[in-house]
Amino acid sequence: MTPELLQTALERALASIAAARGIVSDRVPDPSLRRSKARHHGDWTSTIALRSAQALCTDPRNLAEDIASILREDSRVVGVDVAGPGFLNITVSPRSLARSVADIVDANREFGPDRATAQRIETTVNERLAASPELRAPHPAIGTDARRFMAARGTTALIHLRDMGFLRTAHQDNPVYFVQVAHAAACRVERRGAWERIGAFAFDPDTLTDAAETALTAALCDFVSTVRRAADLREPQLITDLLETTSQLFHDWANTCPVTPTLDENITRLHASRLVLDRAAIIVLATGLRLLGASAPERM
């Protein structure tokens, strides 16, 4: 279940509650979600009840309970807890989360933000690049990928000229290199899967149950909403943060959840499903890099 689908579910719940109270639903604020910082707080946290209570002439805690009751009827949601004065901590089912991976793959080249959002991101990165004397100076001689990624990252003002050469190195602590390596590694996994003749048609979301798979899937599903928020706030570093986090999660997953079987194993639905997850990682990482004006190499 993507953040967009969950937001739609929240909107419908609010509209239902507003209609029952005879209140025009356009007075209710748009729902917003934030990824929960602690796993025991669920997958997502929403403050919509706190922000909508006044418009619906009710207490935030009571409104949160009403919203929770409606969300619990959704089979894609496995838990909704009301905390404090009216926070909603929402946990989606692993199956619905994993199904979102297939949606990313199905979208393929159509995946990502709309053109207007992409243009806003490009404009912000261009403005940051133009305002950074460190990145514009000719003597560091760093490539376009590093310039644009670091401009988006928003840390260029803190980089000393002696460190600029570091951005030309193939080192794991070089952020753009780290993300590009993850993309290339995912492409290598896909090539190996093709060599082993693993068919993605056997995708089964119920097989992706490992914690590393769930964490990677959640990060991939966050991409579109993160890009929209980055464009609205003019903070493209939200995108670089997500790309770096996703890259680390990909490496963690690849090290613990092999896509190709061992010599003694048969190809199963699990391998096919992991190949789809790998393809989704390729799409998200490539889309993010290109959105920032950086390349997404398939081999490194």
Protein backbone atom coordinates (compact mmCIF):
# COMPACT_ATOMS: atom_id res chain seq x y z
CA MET A 1 0.00 0.00 0.00
CA THR A 2 1.67 3.20 -1.16
CA PRO A 3 1.50 6.48 0.81
CA GLU A 4 -0.80 7.82 -1.91
CA LEU A 5 -3.27 4.98 -1.45
CA LEU A 6 -3.18 5.39 2.31
CA GLN A 7 -3.80 9.12 1.95
CA THR A 8 -6.78 8.32 -0.26
CA ALA A 9 -8.11 5.99 2.44
CA LEU A 10 -7.71 8.79 5.02
CA GLU A 11 -9.49 11.25 2.73
CA ARG A 12 -12.41 8.87 2.31
CA ALA A 13 -12.62 8.25 6.05
CA LEU A 14 -12.69 11.99 6.74
CA ALA A 15 -15.25 12.59 4.01
CA SER A 16 -17.48 9.88 5.51
CA ILE A 17 -17.20 11.36 9.00
CA ALA A 18 -17.81 14.89 7.69
CA ALA A 19 -20.88 13.77 5.73
CA ALA A 20 -22.30 12.06 8.81
CA ARG A 21 -21.96 15.38 10.65
CA GLY A 22 -23.42 17.40 7.78
CA ILE A 23 -20.15 19.26 7.24
CA VAL A 24 -18.74 20.16 3.83
CA SER A 25 -15.65 18.01 3.39
CA ASP A 26 -13.62 20.70 1.60
CA ARG A 27 -13.22 22.40 4.98
CA VAL A 28 -11.13 19.45 6.13
CA PRO A 29 -7.33 19.72 5.65
CA ASP A 30 -5.60 17.37 3.25
CA PRO A 31 -4.21 14.28 4.97
CA SER A 32 -0.47 14.09 5.41
CA LEU A 33 1.73 11.17 6.39
CA ARG A 34 5.16 10.79 7.87
CA ARG A 35 7.16 7.60 8.05
CA SER A 36 7.19 6.49 11.70
CA LYS A 37 10.58 6.97 13.35
CA ALA A 38 10.13 3.92 15.59
CA ARG A 39 8.97 0.55 14.24
CA HIS A 40 6.68 -0.02 17.23
CA HIS A 41 4.76 3.09 16.15
CA GLY A 42 3.73 1.39 12.92
CA ASP A 43 4.66 2.28 9.33
CA TRP A 44 3.06 5.71 9.13
CA THR A 45 2.02 8.50 11.47
CA SER A 46 -0.72 11.00 10.66
CA THR A 47 -1.79 14.16 12.47
CA ILE A 48 -4.93 14.60 10.37
CA ALA A 49 -7.24 14.21 13.39
CA LEU A 50 -5.42 16.99 15.25
CA ARG A 51 -5.68 19.29 12.24
CA SER A 52 -9.27 18.43 11.32
CA ALA A 53 -11.00 18.30 14.69
CA GLN A 54 -11.94 21.97 14.77
CA ALA A 55 -13.44 21.88 11.28
CA LEU A 56 -15.48 18.83 12.27
CA CYS A 57 -16.50 20.32 15.62
CA THR A 58 -15.14 17.46 17.68
CA ASP A 59 -12.32 16.42 19.98
CA PRO A 60 -9.09 15.33 18.20
CA ARG A 61 -8.83 12.11 20.16
CA ASN A 62 -12.43 11.14 19.40
CA LEU A 63 -11.95 11.99 15.74
CA ALA A 64 -8.81 9.86 15.63
CA GLU A 65 -10.74 6.93 17.10
CA ASP A 66 -13.45 7.35 14.44
CA ILE A 67 -10.86 7.44 11.65
CA ALA A 68 -9.10 4.41 13.11
CA SER A 69 -12.35 2.43 13.17
CA ILE A 70 -12.86 3.07 9.45
CA LEU A 71 -9.25 2.28 8.49
CA ARG A 72 -9.34 -1.00 10.40
CA GLU A 73 -11.98 -2.23 7.95
CA ASP A 74 -9.47 -1.91 5.10
CA SER A 75 -7.81 -5.26 4.40
CA ARG A 76 -4.60 -3.45 3.41
CA VAL A 77 -4.26 -2.10 6.95
CA VAL A 78 -3.31 -4.47 9.76
CA GLY A 79 -3.29 -2.03 12.64
CA VAL A 80 -4.20 1.51 13.65
CA ASP A 81 -3.33 2.86 17.08
CA VAL A 82 -4.41 6.20 18.50
CA ALA A 83 -1.70 7.87 20.56
CA GLY A 84 -1.60 10.98 22.71
CA PRO A 85 -4.08 13.73 21.85
CA GLY A 86 -4.93 12.24 18.46
CA PHE A 87 -1.96 10.85 16.55
CA LEU A 88 -2.70 7.94 14.23
CA ASN A 89 -0.04 5.22 14.01
CA ILE A 90 -0.84 3.04 11.01
CA THR A 91 0.60 -0.32 10.03
CA VAL A 92 -0.08 -1.65 6.54
CA SER A 93 -0.06 -5.32 5.63
CA PRO A 94 3.23 -6.69 4.28
CA ARG A 95 1.32 -8.13 1.33
CA SER A 96 -0.15 -4.78 0.28
CA LEU A 97 3.25 -3.15 0.71
CA ALA A 98 4.92 -5.82 -1.41
CA ARG A 99 2.20 -5.50 -4.06
CA SER A 100 3.26 -1.88 -4.50
CA VAL A 101 6.61 -3.16 -5.78
CA ALA A 102 4.86 -4.77 -8.73
CA ASP A 103 3.04 -1.49 -9.38
CA ILE A 104 6.39 0.30 -9.65
CA VAL A 105 7.63 -2.29 -12.13
CA ASP A 106 4.40 -2.15 -14.12
CA ALA A 107 4.73 1.63 -14.39
CA ASN A 108 8.36 1.27 -15.55
CA ARG A 109 9.28 4.43 -17.53
CA GLU A 110 6.05 6.11 -16.46
CA PHE A 111 7.06 5.82 -12.80
CA GLY A 112 7.93 9.02 -10.98
CA PRO A 113 6.64 12.53 -10.47
CA ASP A 114 4.69 14.52 -13.03
CA ARG A 115 6.55 16.89 -15.34
CA ALA A 116 5.73 20.02 -13.36
CA THR A 117 7.09 18.52 -10.15
CA ALA A 118 10.24 17.32 -11.94
CA GLN A 119 10.77 20.80 -13.37
CA ARG A 120 10.50 22.37 -9.92
CA ILE A 121 13.16 20.00 -8.63
CA GLU A 122 15.42 20.80 -11.58
CA THR A 123 14.99 24.53 -11.03
CA THR A 124 15.89 24.27 -7.34
CA VAL A 125 18.99 22.20 -8.07
CA ASN A 126 20.05 24.68 -10.77
CA GLU A 127 19.62 27.58 -8.36
CA ARG A 128 21.69 25.84 -5.68
CA LEU A 129 24.38 25.00 -8.20
CA ALA A 130 24.55 28.60 -9.40
CA ALA A 131 24.79 29.85 -5.81
CA SER A 132 27.65 27.51 -4.88
CA PRO A 133 31.11 28.93 -5.65
CA GLU A 134 32.67 25.66 -4.49
CA LEU A 135 30.85 23.62 -7.11
CA ARG A 136 31.20 26.24 -9.83
CA ALA A 137 34.96 26.68 -9.36
CA PRO A 138 36.89 25.12 -12.27
CA HIS A 139 39.85 23.80 -10.29
CA PRO A 140 38.05 21.03 -8.40
CA ALA A 141 37.22 19.48 -11.80
CA ILE A 142 34.49 17.20 -10.47
CA GLY A 143 31.96 15.69 -12.80
CA THR A 144 28.41 16.82 -13.52
CA ASP A 145 26.93 13.93 -11.54
CA ALA A 146 28.76 14.93 -8.35
CA ARG A 147 28.06 18.64 -8.84
CA ARG A 148 24.34 18.21 -9.23
CA PHE A 149 23.96 15.55 -6.54
CA MET A 150 25.88 17.64 -4.02
CA ALA A 151 23.96 20.77 -4.97
CA ALA A 152 20.73 18.88 -4.31
CA ARG A 153 22.18 17.48 -1.11
CA GLY A 154 22.62 20.99 0.20
CA THR A 155 25.96 20.42 1.90
CA THR A 156 28.19 22.24 -0.58
CA ALA A 157 28.69 25.25 1.68
CA LEU A 158 30.32 22.98 4.26
CA ILE A 159 32.72 21.32 1.83
CA HIS A 160 36.29 22.61 1.86
CA LEU A 161 38.07 22.82 -1.46
CA ARG A 162 40.55 20.16 -0.35
CA ASP A 163 37.61 17.76 -0.03
CA MET A 164 36.31 18.39 -3.54
CA GLY A 165 38.77 15.90 -4.99
CA PHE A 166 37.08 13.26 -2.85
CA LEU A 167 34.00 13.59 -5.07
CA ARG A 168 36.08 12.29 -7.99
CA THR A 169 36.94 9.08 -6.16
CA ALA A 170 35.28 5.67 -6.29
CA HIS A 171 34.73 5.49 -2.54
CA GLN A 172 31.72 4.31 -0.55
CA ASP A 173 31.70 7.58 1.39
CA ASN A 174 31.23 9.50 -1.85
CA PRO A 175 27.40 9.83 -1.79
CA VAL A 176 26.68 9.97 -5.52
CA TYR A 177 29.07 7.08 -6.15
CA PHE A 178 27.38 5.09 -3.38
CA VAL A 179 23.95 5.51 -5.01
CA GLN A 180 25.27 4.77 -8.50
CA VAL A 181 27.01 1.63 -7.25
CA ALA A 182 23.72 0.43 -5.73
CA HIS A 183 21.98 1.00 -9.08
CA ALA A 184 24.71 -0.84 -10.97
CA ALA A 185 24.61 -3.68 -8.43
CA ALA A 186 20.84 -4.00 -8.88
CA CYS A 187 21.32 -4.15 -12.65
CA ARG A 188 23.93 -6.89 -12.17
CA VAL A 189 21.47 -8.88 -10.04
CA GLU A 190 18.88 -8.52 -12.79
CA ARG A 191 21.32 -9.77 -15.42
CA ARG A 192 22.12 -12.80 -13.26
CA GLY A 193 18.41 -13.46 -12.83
CA ALA A 194 17.93 -13.37 -16.60
CA TRP A 195 20.85 -15.78 -17.02
CA GLU A 196 19.20 -18.16 -14.56
CA ARG A 197 15.92 -17.73 -16.47
CA ILE A 198 13.99 -16.55 -13.44
CA GLY A 199 10.58 -15.36 -14.59
CA ALA A 200 9.04 -12.31 -12.95
CA PHE A 201 5.59 -13.62 -13.98
CA ALA A 202 5.64 -15.83 -10.86
CA PHE A 203 5.64 -12.80 -8.54
CA ASP A 204 3.91 -13.52 -5.24
CA PRO A 205 3.75 -10.68 -2.69
CA ASP A 206 3.19 -13.17 0.12
CA THR A 207 6.75 -14.45 -0.26
CA LEU A 208 8.48 -11.12 0.53
CA THR A 209 8.40 -11.43 4.29
CA ASP A 210 12.03 -10.91 5.32
CA ALA A 211 12.62 -7.76 7.37
CA ALA A 212 15.20 -6.56 4.82
CA GLU A 213 12.64 -6.95 2.05
CA THR A 214 10.00 -5.02 3.97
CA ALA A 215 12.44 -2.18 4.76
CA LEU A 216 13.57 -1.87 1.14
CA THR A 217 10.01 -2.03 -0.15
CA ALA A 218 8.90 0.71 2.23
CA ALA A 219 11.71 3.00 1.06
CA LEU A 220 10.86 2.39 -2.61
CA CYS A 221 7.20 3.16 -1.97
CA ASP A 222 8.16 6.45 -0.30
CA PHE A 223 9.80 7.83 -3.44
CA VAL A 224 6.93 9.64 -5.18
CA SER A 225 5.56 11.28 -2.03
CA THR A 226 9.09 12.30 -1.01
CA VAL A 227 9.70 13.94 -4.38
CA ARG A 228 6.45 15.86 -4.15
CA ARG A 229 7.31 17.07 -0.67
CA ALA A 230 10.81 18.03 -1.83
CA ALA A 231 9.34 20.08 -4.67
CA ASP A 232 6.80 21.79 -2.41
CA LEU A 233 9.40 22.66 0.22
CA ARG A 234 12.19 23.35 -2.30
CA GLU A 235 14.34 20.85 -0.43
CA PRO A 236 15.83 18.36 -2.93
CA GLN A 237 18.01 17.00 -0.14
CA LEU A 238 14.96 14.96 0.83
CA ILE A 239 15.49 13.07 -2.41
CA THR A 240 19.23 12.54 -1.92
CA ASP A 241 18.55 11.39 1.65
CA LEU A 242 16.03 8.83 0.40
CA LEU A 243 18.33 7.66 -2.40
CA GLU A 244 21.22 7.13 0.02
CA THR A 245 18.96 5.32 2.50
CA THR A 246 17.49 3.17 -0.27
CA SER A 247 20.98 2.31 -1.52
CA GLN A 248 22.04 1.11 1.92
CA LEU A 249 18.82 -0.88 2.30
CA PHE A 250 19.40 -2.42 -1.11
CA HIS A 251 22.89 -3.57 -0.15
CA ASP A 252 21.56 -4.98 3.13
CA TRP A 253 18.83 -6.83 1.26
CA ALA A 254 21.14 -8.14 -1.48
CA ASN A 255 23.49 -9.54 1.16
CA THR A 256 20.75 -11.46 2.98
CA CYS A 257 18.09 -12.25 0.36
CA PRO A 258 19.62 -13.82 -2.77
CA VAL A 259 17.65 -13.52 -5.99
CA THR A 260 19.36 -16.44 -7.73
CA PRO A 261 19.18 -19.93 -6.22
CA THR A 262 22.16 -21.98 -5.10
CA LEU A 263 23.23 -25.04 -7.08
CA ASP A 264 21.06 -27.29 -4.89
CA GLU A 265 17.95 -25.09 -5.08
CA ASN A 266 15.11 -24.95 -7.54
CA ILE A 267 13.80 -21.65 -8.80
CA THR A 268 10.74 -20.73 -6.75
CA ARG A 269 8.20 -17.94 -6.49
CA LEU A 270 10.44 -16.36 -3.86
CA HIS A 271 13.25 -15.92 -6.37
CA ALA A 272 10.82 -14.50 -8.93
CA SER A 273 9.40 -12.09 -6.39
CA ARG A 274 12.86 -10.95 -5.32
CA LEU A 275 13.71 -10.29 -8.96
CA VAL A 276 10.69 -7.98 -9.17
CA LEU A 277 11.84 -6.19 -6.01
CA ASP A 278 15.28 -5.81 -7.57
CA ARG A 279 13.74 -4.33 -10.72
CA ALA A 280 11.74 -1.87 -8.62
CA ALA A 281 14.97 -0.77 -6.92
CA ILE A 282 16.55 -0.18 -10.34
CA ILE A 283 13.61 1.97 -11.42
CA VAL A 284 13.52 4.07 -8.25
CA LEU A 285 17.29 4.66 -8.08
CA ALA A 286 17.51 5.50 -11.78
CA THR A 287 14.51 7.82 -11.61
CA GLY A 288 15.94 9.62 -8.58
CA LEU A 289 19.41 10.07 -10.07
CA ARG A 290 18.07 11.34 -13.39
CA LEU A 291 15.63 13.62 -11.65
CA LEU A 292 18.63 15.37 -10.07
CA GLY A 293 20.50 15.47 -13.36
CA ALA A 294 22.91 12.63 -12.56
CA SER A 295 23.52 9.48 -14.58
CA ALA A 296 22.44 5.97 -13.60
CA PRO A 297 25.16 3.63 -14.89
CA GLU A 298 24.26 -0.03 -15.31
CA ARG A 299 27.85 -1.22 -14.89
CA MET A 300 30.57 0.09 -12.60
